[in-house]
Amino acid sequence: MRERKNNKNNKKPRFFDFAGRPLKENGRVYSKPVVEYNEDARKEFIHGFHKRKLERRQHYEKVQEDLKRQERLDARKEKRELFRQVQISIDANDSDSSGEGKEEEDEE
């Protein structure tokens, strides 16, 4: 004879209430999940596709605007940096040439 394994089939027999529902060990009825029909939630789900699509588009446009703005700010920053470097090099050249000019004037 085969030995019986301990599995679902070897559980204690269930007891049933008068309506034929199985009872738990403590005598309470097993509860099944209840599905409720909500007309407003259904309409929101069905008609919400367009609304969510528009929200996605608006979000994408906002992200694109932020990226363009950041690019403009970066370009302005680079322009200022370049201008500063040019100014520094011009000032350095002026100070060198002005120093040489003063020396030449002293020699005369």
N, C-alpha and C. Protein backbone atom coordinates (compact mmCIF):
# COMPACT_ATOMS: atom_id res chain seq x y z
N MET A 1 0.83 -1.18 0.00
CA MET A 1 0.00 0.00 0.00
C MET A 1 0.88 1.25 0.00
N ARG A 2 0.36 2.25 -0.68
CA ARG A 2 1.10 3.52 -0.73
C ARG A 2 0.82 4.31 0.53
N GLU A 3 1.87 5.03 0.93
CA GLU A 3 1.69 5.89 2.09
C GLU A 3 1.02 7.18 1.65
N ARG A 4 0.17 7.69 2.48
CA ARG A 4 -0.51 8.93 2.15
C ARG A 4 0.38 10.11 2.52
N LYS A 5 0.48 11.05 1.58
CA LYS A 5 1.26 12.24 1.83
C LYS A 5 0.36 13.30 2.46
N ASN A 6 0.98 14.17 3.19
CA ASN A 6 0.24 15.25 3.82
C ASN A 6 0.05 16.36 2.79
N ASN A 7 -1.08 16.45 2.18
CA ASN A 7 -1.35 17.52 1.23
C ASN A 7 -2.78 18.01 1.39
N LYS A 8 -3.24 18.79 0.45
CA LYS A 8 -4.55 19.41 0.56
C LYS A 8 -5.67 18.38 0.64
N ASN A 9 -5.48 17.26 -0.01
CA ASN A 9 -6.54 16.25 -0.04
C ASN A 9 -6.73 15.57 1.31
N ASN A 10 -5.76 15.63 2.18
CA ASN A 10 -5.84 14.94 3.47
C ASN A 10 -6.24 15.87 4.61
N LYS A 11 -6.85 17.02 4.29
CA LYS A 11 -7.26 17.94 5.33
C LYS A 11 -8.48 17.39 6.05
N LYS A 12 -8.77 18.03 7.16
CA LYS A 12 -9.97 17.65 7.90
C LYS A 12 -11.19 17.92 7.04
N PRO A 13 -12.22 17.15 7.23
CA PRO A 13 -13.44 17.44 6.46
C PRO A 13 -14.02 18.78 6.90
N ARG A 14 -14.56 19.51 5.94
CA ARG A 14 -15.14 20.80 6.23
C ARG A 14 -16.56 20.63 6.73
N PHE A 15 -16.95 21.57 7.56
CA PHE A 15 -18.33 21.62 7.99
C PHE A 15 -19.01 22.76 7.26
N PHE A 16 -20.28 22.61 7.01
CA PHE A 16 -21.00 23.60 6.22
C PHE A 16 -22.14 24.18 7.05
N ASP A 17 -22.47 25.44 6.76
CA ASP A 17 -23.62 26.06 7.43
C ASP A 17 -24.88 25.68 6.66
N PHE A 18 -25.99 26.27 7.02
CA PHE A 18 -27.26 25.90 6.41
C PHE A 18 -27.34 26.29 4.95
N ALA A 19 -26.59 27.30 4.55
CA ALA A 19 -26.62 27.73 3.16
C ALA A 19 -25.64 26.95 2.30
N GLY A 20 -24.90 26.04 2.91
CA GLY A 20 -23.95 25.24 2.16
C GLY A 20 -22.57 25.86 2.06
N ARG A 21 -22.33 26.93 2.82
CA ARG A 21 -21.02 27.58 2.81
C ARG A 21 -20.10 26.87 3.79
N PRO A 22 -18.81 26.69 3.42
CA PRO A 22 -17.89 26.01 4.34
C PRO A 22 -17.59 26.88 5.55
N LEU A 23 -17.43 26.24 6.69
CA LEU A 23 -17.12 26.94 7.93
C LEU A 23 -15.64 26.80 8.26
N LYS A 24 -15.10 27.82 8.93
CA LYS A 24 -13.74 27.72 9.44
C LYS A 24 -13.78 26.91 10.72
N GLU A 25 -12.57 26.66 11.25
CA GLU A 25 -12.51 25.88 12.48
C GLU A 25 -13.21 26.58 13.64
N ASN A 26 -13.21 27.90 13.64
CA ASN A 26 -13.84 28.62 14.74
C ASN A 26 -15.33 28.81 14.52
N GLY A 27 -15.87 28.28 13.45
CA GLY A 27 -17.30 28.33 13.22
C GLY A 27 -17.75 29.48 12.34
N ARG A 28 -16.85 30.32 11.93
CA ARG A 28 -17.23 31.44 11.06
C ARG A 28 -17.29 30.97 9.61
N VAL A 29 -18.04 31.67 8.84
CA VAL A 29 -18.20 31.32 7.43
C VAL A 29 -17.04 31.91 6.64
N TYR A 30 -16.50 31.12 5.70
CA TYR A 30 -15.48 31.63 4.79
C TYR A 30 -16.11 32.74 3.98
N SER A 31 -15.42 33.84 3.88
CA SER A 31 -15.97 34.95 3.10
C SER A 31 -15.30 34.99 1.74
N LYS A 32 -16.10 35.18 0.73
CA LYS A 32 -15.59 35.31 -0.62
C LYS A 32 -15.44 36.79 -0.93
N PRO A 33 -14.50 37.13 -1.79
CA PRO A 33 -14.37 38.55 -2.13
C PRO A 33 -15.62 39.03 -2.86
N VAL A 34 -16.02 40.23 -2.54
CA VAL A 34 -17.22 40.80 -3.13
C VAL A 34 -16.80 41.83 -4.17
N VAL A 35 -17.36 41.69 -5.36
CA VAL A 35 -17.07 42.63 -6.44
C VAL A 35 -18.23 43.60 -6.52
N GLU A 36 -17.91 44.89 -6.38
CA GLU A 36 -18.94 45.91 -6.46
C GLU A 36 -18.81 46.64 -7.78
N TYR A 37 -19.94 46.95 -8.38
CA TYR A 37 -19.98 47.65 -9.65
C TYR A 37 -20.12 49.14 -9.35
N ASN A 38 -19.17 49.92 -9.86
CA ASN A 38 -19.19 51.36 -9.63
C ASN A 38 -19.23 52.05 -10.99
N GLU A 39 -20.37 52.66 -11.30
CA GLU A 39 -20.57 53.28 -12.61
C GLU A 39 -19.61 54.46 -12.84
N ASP A 40 -19.37 55.26 -11.80
CA ASP A 40 -18.47 56.40 -11.95
C ASP A 40 -17.04 55.96 -12.23
N ALA A 41 -16.59 54.92 -11.52
CA ALA A 41 -15.24 54.42 -11.75
C ALA A 41 -15.12 53.84 -13.16
N ARG A 42 -16.17 53.19 -13.61
CA ARG A 42 -16.16 52.62 -14.97
C ARG A 42 -16.04 53.73 -16.01
N LYS A 43 -16.84 54.80 -15.85
CA LYS A 43 -16.78 55.91 -16.81
C LYS A 43 -15.41 56.57 -16.78
N GLU A 44 -14.86 56.75 -15.59
CA GLU A 44 -13.53 57.37 -15.46
C GLU A 44 -12.48 56.52 -16.18
N PHE A 45 -12.58 55.21 -16.03
CA PHE A 45 -11.61 54.32 -16.67
C PHE A 45 -11.75 54.37 -18.19
N ILE A 46 -12.97 54.28 -18.68
CA ILE A 46 -13.19 54.24 -20.12
C ILE A 46 -12.88 55.58 -20.78
N HIS A 47 -13.38 56.65 -20.19
CA HIS A 47 -13.23 57.97 -20.79
C HIS A 47 -11.93 58.65 -20.38
N GLY A 48 -11.19 58.05 -19.49
CA GLY A 48 -9.96 58.66 -19.01
C GLY A 48 -8.77 58.47 -19.91
N PHE A 49 -8.89 57.62 -20.94
CA PHE A 49 -7.75 57.38 -21.82
C PHE A 49 -7.31 58.68 -22.50
N HIS A 50 -8.27 59.43 -23.02
CA HIS A 50 -7.96 60.69 -23.70
C HIS A 50 -7.34 61.69 -22.73
N LYS A 51 -7.91 61.76 -21.54
CA LYS A 51 -7.40 62.70 -20.54
C LYS A 51 -5.97 62.36 -20.16
N ARG A 52 -5.69 61.07 -19.95
CA ARG A 52 -4.33 60.67 -19.58
C ARG A 52 -3.36 60.90 -20.74
N LYS A 53 -3.84 60.71 -21.96
CA LYS A 53 -2.99 60.97 -23.12
C LYS A 53 -2.62 62.44 -23.19
N LEU A 54 -3.59 63.33 -22.96
CA LEU A 54 -3.31 64.76 -22.95
C LEU A 54 -2.34 65.13 -21.84
N GLU A 55 -2.51 64.51 -20.67
CA GLU A 55 -1.59 64.77 -19.56
C GLU A 55 -0.16 64.38 -19.92
N ARG A 56 -0.02 63.22 -20.58
CA ARG A 56 1.32 62.78 -21.00
C ARG A 56 1.92 63.79 -21.98
N ARG A 57 1.12 64.28 -22.93
CA ARG A 57 1.61 65.25 -23.90
C ARG A 57 2.04 66.55 -23.21
N GLN A 58 1.21 67.03 -22.29
CA GLN A 58 1.54 68.26 -21.58
C GLN A 58 2.83 68.09 -20.78
N HIS A 59 2.98 66.93 -20.14
CA HIS A 59 4.19 66.68 -19.37
C HIS A 59 5.41 66.68 -20.30
N TYR A 60 5.29 66.04 -21.47
CA TYR A 60 6.39 65.99 -22.42
C TYR A 60 6.75 67.40 -22.90
N GLU A 61 5.72 68.22 -23.19
CA GLU A 61 5.98 69.58 -23.64
C GLU A 61 6.69 70.39 -22.56
N LYS A 62 6.28 70.20 -21.31
CA LYS A 62 6.91 70.92 -20.20
C LYS A 62 8.37 70.50 -20.07
N VAL A 63 8.64 69.21 -20.19
CA VAL A 63 10.02 68.72 -20.10
C VAL A 63 10.85 69.31 -21.24
N GLN A 64 10.28 69.37 -22.44
CA GLN A 64 11.01 69.93 -23.58
C GLN A 64 11.30 71.42 -23.36
N GLU A 65 10.33 72.16 -22.83
CA GLU A 65 10.55 73.57 -22.55
C GLU A 65 11.67 73.75 -21.53
N ASP A 66 11.67 72.91 -20.50
CA ASP A 66 12.73 73.00 -19.49
C ASP A 66 14.10 72.71 -20.10
N LEU A 67 14.16 71.73 -21.00
CA LEU A 67 15.43 71.41 -21.65
C LEU A 67 15.92 72.57 -22.51
N LYS A 68 15.00 73.17 -23.28
CA LYS A 68 15.38 74.31 -24.12
C LYS A 68 15.86 75.47 -23.27
N ARG A 69 15.16 75.72 -22.18
CA ARG A 69 15.54 76.81 -21.28
C ARG A 69 16.93 76.56 -20.72
N GLN A 70 17.19 75.32 -20.31
CA GLN A 70 18.50 74.98 -19.75
C GLN A 70 19.59 75.14 -20.81
N GLU A 71 19.29 74.76 -22.06
CA GLU A 71 20.27 74.93 -23.13
C GLU A 71 20.57 76.41 -23.35
N ARG A 72 19.53 77.26 -23.33
CA ARG A 72 19.75 78.71 -23.48
C ARG A 72 20.62 79.24 -22.35
N LEU A 73 20.33 78.80 -21.12
CA LEU A 73 21.12 79.26 -19.98
C LEU A 73 22.57 78.82 -20.10
N ASP A 74 22.78 77.59 -20.54
CA ASP A 74 24.15 77.09 -20.73
C ASP A 74 24.88 77.87 -21.81
N ALA A 75 24.17 78.17 -22.91
CA ALA A 75 24.79 78.94 -24.00
C ALA A 75 25.18 80.34 -23.51
N ARG A 76 24.30 80.97 -22.73
CA ARG A 76 24.62 82.30 -22.19
C ARG A 76 25.81 82.22 -21.25
N LYS A 77 25.87 81.16 -20.45
CA LYS A 77 26.97 81.00 -19.52
C LYS A 77 28.29 80.84 -20.28
N GLU A 78 28.28 80.01 -21.33
CA GLU A 78 29.49 79.81 -22.14
C GLU A 78 29.91 81.13 -22.80
N LYS A 79 28.92 81.90 -23.27
CA LYS A 79 29.22 83.17 -23.90
C LYS A 79 29.88 84.12 -22.91
N ARG A 80 29.35 84.18 -21.69
CA ARG A 80 29.95 85.03 -20.66
C ARG A 80 31.37 84.59 -20.34
N GLU A 81 31.57 83.27 -20.22
CA GLU A 81 32.91 82.74 -19.93
C GLU A 81 33.89 83.12 -21.03
N LEU A 82 33.46 82.95 -22.27
CA LEU A 82 34.31 83.29 -23.41
C LEU A 82 34.63 84.79 -23.41
N PHE A 83 33.63 85.61 -23.14
CA PHE A 83 33.84 87.05 -23.09
C PHE A 83 34.83 87.41 -21.99
N ARG A 84 34.71 86.77 -20.85
CA ARG A 84 35.64 87.03 -19.74
C ARG A 84 37.07 86.64 -20.14
N GLN A 85 37.22 85.50 -20.80
CA GLN A 85 38.55 85.06 -21.21
C GLN A 85 39.14 86.05 -22.21
N VAL A 86 38.32 86.52 -23.14
CA VAL A 86 38.79 87.49 -24.12
C VAL A 86 39.20 88.78 -23.42
N GLN A 87 38.38 89.23 -22.49
CA GLN A 87 38.69 90.45 -21.74
C GLN A 87 40.00 90.29 -20.96
N ILE A 88 40.19 89.15 -20.34
CA ILE A 88 41.42 88.90 -19.58
C ILE A 88 42.62 88.92 -20.51
N SER A 89 42.48 88.26 -21.69
CA SER A 89 43.62 88.24 -22.62
C SER A 89 43.88 89.65 -23.17
N ILE A 90 42.84 90.43 -23.42
CA ILE A 90 43.02 91.79 -23.90
C ILE A 90 43.69 92.63 -22.82
N ASP A 91 43.21 92.49 -21.59
CA ASP A 91 43.81 93.24 -20.48
C ASP A 91 45.26 92.85 -20.29
N ALA A 92 45.56 91.55 -20.44
CA ALA A 92 46.94 91.10 -20.29
C ALA A 92 47.81 91.69 -21.40
N ASN A 93 47.31 91.71 -22.63
CA ASN A 93 48.05 92.29 -23.75
C ASN A 93 48.24 93.79 -23.57
N ASP A 94 47.21 94.44 -23.07
CA ASP A 94 47.32 95.89 -22.84
C ASP A 94 48.35 96.18 -21.77
N SER A 95 48.35 95.39 -20.72
CA SER A 95 49.31 95.64 -19.65
C SER A 95 50.74 95.35 -20.13
N ASP A 96 50.89 94.32 -20.98
CA ASP A 96 52.22 94.03 -21.53
C ASP A 96 52.67 95.14 -22.47
N SER A 97 51.80 95.53 -23.35
CA SER A 97 52.17 96.56 -24.32
C SER A 97 52.31 97.92 -23.64
N SER A 98 51.47 98.16 -22.65
CA SER A 98 51.59 99.44 -21.95
C SER A 98 52.87 99.46 -21.13
N GLY A 99 53.28 98.34 -20.59
CA GLY A 99 54.54 98.27 -19.85
C GLY A 99 55.72 98.46 -20.77
N GLU A 100 55.65 97.89 -21.98
CA GLU A 100 56.73 98.05 -22.95
C GLU A 100 56.79 99.50 -23.42
N GLY A 101 55.65 100.08 -23.59
CA GLY A 101 55.61 101.47 -24.04
C GLY A 101 56.21 102.40 -23.02
N LYS A 102 56.00 102.12 -21.78
CA LYS A 102 56.54 102.97 -20.72
C LYS A 102 58.06 102.84 -20.68
N GLU A 103 58.57 101.63 -20.90
CA GLU A 103 59.99 101.43 -20.89
C GLU A 103 60.65 102.18 -22.05
N GLU A 104 59.99 102.12 -23.21
CA GLU A 104 60.54 102.80 -24.37
C GLU A 104 60.57 104.30 -24.15
N GLU A 105 59.49 104.81 -23.53
CA GLU A 105 59.45 106.23 -23.26
C GLU A 105 60.55 106.61 -22.26
N ASP A 106 60.85 105.75 -21.31
CA ASP A 106 61.89 106.03 -20.33
C ASP A 106 63.26 106.08 -20.99
N GLU A 107 63.47 105.25 -22.00
CA GLU A 107 64.77 105.20 -22.67
C GLU A 107 65.03 106.47 -23.45
N GLU A 108 64.02 107.12 -23.95
CA GLU A 108 64.22 108.33 -24.76
C GLU A 108 64.52 109.47 -23.94
